[in-house]
Amino acid sequence: MFQFEDERIVRDINNSVNRMQNCDMANMNKTVNASAKQVEDINIIEERIGLDNIDEKLRVVAESKT
């Protein structure tokens, strides 16, 4: 009886760890994708109007991301 309960506990722990890892990976993927999109957008702004023609605070942030 105790062996069955031990196995169930181990399975539950493994499942919880797996779910946490999946969430972490999904969050990292979202972060990477958002960062890539921001760099794309910054490049478009730079090509079309130039970073010198936007607000100084935005320019500082844009330059720090590229």
N, C-alpha and C. Protein backbone atom coordinates (compact mmCIF):
# COMPACT_ATOMS: atom_id res chain seq x y z
N MET A 1 0.81 -1.20 0.00
CA MET A 1 0.00 0.00 0.00
C MET A 1 0.86 1.26 0.00
N PHE A 2 1.91 1.29 0.84
CA PHE A 2 2.77 2.47 0.90
C PHE A 2 3.57 2.66 -0.39
N GLN A 3 3.94 1.55 -1.02
CA GLN A 3 4.70 1.65 -2.26
C GLN A 3 3.85 2.32 -3.33
N PHE A 4 2.58 1.95 -3.43
CA PHE A 4 1.67 2.57 -4.39
C PHE A 4 1.57 4.08 -4.13
N GLU A 5 1.43 4.46 -2.89
CA GLU A 5 1.32 5.88 -2.53
C GLU A 5 2.62 6.62 -2.85
N ASP A 6 3.74 5.99 -2.59
CA ASP A 6 5.05 6.59 -2.93
C ASP A 6 5.17 6.82 -4.43
N GLU A 7 4.76 5.84 -5.21
CA GLU A 7 4.82 5.97 -6.67
C GLU A 7 3.91 7.09 -7.16
N ARG A 8 2.75 7.20 -6.57
CA ARG A 8 1.82 8.27 -6.95
C ARG A 8 2.40 9.64 -6.62
N ILE A 9 3.03 9.75 -5.48
CA ILE A 9 3.65 11.01 -5.07
C ILE A 9 4.78 11.38 -6.03
N VAL A 10 5.61 10.41 -6.39
CA VAL A 10 6.71 10.66 -7.33
C VAL A 10 6.16 11.11 -8.68
N ARG A 11 5.11 10.45 -9.17
CA ARG A 11 4.49 10.84 -10.44
C ARG A 11 3.95 12.26 -10.37
N ASP A 12 3.27 12.58 -9.27
CA ASP A 12 2.72 13.93 -9.10
C ASP A 12 3.82 14.99 -9.10
N ILE A 13 4.91 14.69 -8.41
CA ILE A 13 6.04 15.63 -8.38
C ILE A 13 6.63 15.79 -9.77
N ASN A 14 6.84 14.68 -10.46
CA ASN A 14 7.40 14.74 -11.82
C ASN A 14 6.48 15.54 -12.74
N ASN A 15 5.19 15.33 -12.62
CA ASN A 15 4.23 16.07 -13.45
C ASN A 15 4.28 17.57 -13.14
N SER A 16 4.39 17.91 -11.88
CA SER A 16 4.46 19.32 -11.49
C SER A 16 5.73 19.97 -12.04
N VAL A 17 6.84 19.28 -11.92
CA VAL A 17 8.11 19.80 -12.44
C VAL A 17 8.01 19.98 -13.95
N ASN A 18 7.44 19.02 -14.63
CA ASN A 18 7.30 19.09 -16.08
C ASN A 18 6.43 20.28 -16.48
N ARG A 19 5.33 20.51 -15.77
CA ARG A 19 4.46 21.65 -16.07
C ARG A 19 5.19 22.97 -15.87
N MET A 20 5.97 23.06 -14.79
CA MET A 20 6.73 24.29 -14.52
C MET A 20 7.77 24.53 -15.62
N GLN A 21 8.44 23.47 -16.06
CA GLN A 21 9.42 23.62 -17.13
C GLN A 21 8.76 24.06 -18.42
N ASN A 22 7.58 23.51 -18.71
CA ASN A 22 6.86 23.90 -19.92
C ASN A 22 6.46 25.37 -19.86
N CYS A 23 6.02 25.83 -18.71
CA CYS A 23 5.65 27.25 -18.54
C CYS A 23 6.88 28.14 -18.70
N ASP A 24 7.97 27.75 -18.09
CA ASP A 24 9.21 28.53 -18.21
C ASP A 24 9.64 28.62 -19.67
N MET A 25 9.58 27.51 -20.38
CA MET A 25 9.99 27.51 -21.78
C MET A 25 9.06 28.37 -22.62
N ALA A 26 7.78 28.29 -22.36
CA ALA A 26 6.81 29.12 -23.10
C ALA A 26 7.07 30.60 -22.83
N ASN A 27 7.35 30.95 -21.59
CA ASN A 27 7.62 32.34 -21.26
C ASN A 27 8.91 32.83 -21.92
N MET A 28 9.92 31.99 -21.95
CA MET A 28 11.17 32.37 -22.62
C MET A 28 10.94 32.58 -24.11
N ASN A 29 10.16 31.70 -24.72
CA ASN A 29 9.86 31.84 -26.15
C ASN A 29 9.11 33.14 -26.42
N LYS A 30 8.15 33.48 -25.57
CA LYS A 30 7.41 34.73 -25.74
C LYS A 30 8.34 35.93 -25.62
N THR A 31 9.25 35.88 -24.66
CA THR A 31 10.20 36.98 -24.46
C THR A 31 11.11 37.15 -25.67
N VAL A 32 11.63 36.04 -26.17
CA VAL A 32 12.51 36.08 -27.34
C VAL A 32 11.77 36.61 -28.55
N ASN A 33 10.55 36.14 -28.77
CA ASN A 33 9.76 36.60 -29.92
C ASN A 33 9.43 38.08 -29.82
N ALA A 34 9.07 38.54 -28.63
CA ALA A 34 8.75 39.96 -28.44
C ALA A 34 10.00 40.82 -28.68
N SER A 35 11.14 40.36 -28.21
CA SER A 35 12.38 41.11 -28.41
C SER A 35 12.74 41.19 -29.89
N ALA A 36 12.59 40.09 -30.58
CA ALA A 36 12.88 40.07 -32.02
C ALA A 36 11.96 41.03 -32.77
N LYS A 37 10.69 41.05 -32.40
CA LYS A 37 9.72 41.95 -33.03
C LYS A 37 10.08 43.41 -32.75
N GLN A 38 10.52 43.71 -31.53
CA GLN A 38 10.92 45.07 -31.20
C GLN A 38 12.12 45.51 -32.05
N VAL A 39 13.09 44.64 -32.21
CA VAL A 39 14.26 44.97 -33.03
C VAL A 39 13.84 45.19 -34.48
N GLU A 40 12.94 44.36 -34.99
CA GLU A 40 12.40 44.55 -36.34
C GLU A 40 11.75 45.91 -36.48
N ASP A 41 10.91 46.25 -35.52
CA ASP A 41 10.21 47.54 -35.56
C ASP A 41 11.19 48.71 -35.49
N ILE A 42 12.20 48.58 -34.65
CA ILE A 42 13.21 49.64 -34.53
C ILE A 42 13.94 49.81 -35.86
N ASN A 43 14.26 48.71 -36.52
CA ASN A 43 14.93 48.79 -37.82
C ASN A 43 14.05 49.46 -38.86
N ILE A 44 12.76 49.19 -38.83
CA ILE A 44 11.83 49.83 -39.77
C ILE A 44 11.78 51.33 -39.52
N ILE A 45 11.69 51.71 -38.25
CA ILE A 45 11.67 53.14 -37.90
C ILE A 45 12.96 53.81 -38.36
N GLU A 46 14.08 53.14 -38.12
CA GLU A 46 15.37 53.70 -38.51
C GLU A 46 15.46 53.89 -40.02
N GLU A 47 14.94 52.94 -40.79
CA GLU A 47 14.98 53.03 -42.25
C GLU A 47 14.05 54.12 -42.78
N ARG A 48 12.87 54.23 -42.20
CA ARG A 48 11.85 55.14 -42.76
C ARG A 48 12.00 56.58 -42.30
N ILE A 49 12.25 56.80 -41.01
CA ILE A 49 12.32 58.19 -40.55
C ILE A 49 13.61 58.51 -39.80
N GLY A 50 14.37 57.50 -39.46
CA GLY A 50 15.62 57.71 -38.74
C GLY A 50 15.39 57.86 -37.24
N LEU A 51 16.30 57.32 -36.48
CA LEU A 51 16.16 57.38 -35.02
C LEU A 51 16.36 58.80 -34.49
N ASP A 52 17.06 59.63 -35.26
CA ASP A 52 17.27 61.01 -34.83
C ASP A 52 15.98 61.83 -34.86
N ASN A 53 14.96 61.33 -35.53
CA ASN A 53 13.71 62.07 -35.69
C ASN A 53 12.62 61.60 -34.73
N ILE A 54 12.97 60.81 -33.74
CA ILE A 54 11.97 60.39 -32.74
C ILE A 54 12.36 60.98 -31.38
N ASP A 55 11.42 60.92 -30.46
CA ASP A 55 11.64 61.44 -29.12
C ASP A 55 12.93 60.87 -28.53
N GLU A 56 13.66 61.71 -27.79
CA GLU A 56 14.96 61.32 -27.27
C GLU A 56 14.90 60.07 -26.39
N LYS A 57 13.89 60.00 -25.53
CA LYS A 57 13.77 58.82 -24.66
C LYS A 57 13.55 57.55 -25.46
N LEU A 58 12.72 57.64 -26.49
CA LEU A 58 12.50 56.48 -27.35
C LEU A 58 13.76 56.10 -28.10
N ARG A 59 14.50 57.12 -28.56
CA ARG A 59 15.74 56.86 -29.28
C ARG A 59 16.75 56.15 -28.40
N VAL A 60 16.87 56.58 -27.15
CA VAL A 60 17.81 55.94 -26.23
C VAL A 60 17.45 54.47 -26.03
N VAL A 61 16.16 54.21 -25.85
CA VAL A 61 15.72 52.83 -25.68
C VAL A 61 15.97 52.02 -26.95
N ALA A 62 15.62 52.61 -28.10
CA ALA A 62 15.82 51.91 -29.38
C ALA A 62 17.28 51.58 -29.60
N GLU A 63 18.15 52.55 -29.31
CA GLU A 63 19.58 52.30 -29.52
C GLU A 63 20.12 51.25 -28.57
N SER A 64 19.54 51.16 -27.38
CA SER A 64 20.02 50.15 -26.43
C SER A 64 19.59 48.74 -26.82
N LYS A 65 18.56 48.64 -27.65
CA LYS A 65 18.05 47.32 -28.05
C LYS A 65 18.66 46.81 -29.35
N THR A 66 19.37 47.67 -30.05
CA THR A 66 19.95 47.23 -31.32
C THR A 66 21.43 47.07 -31.23
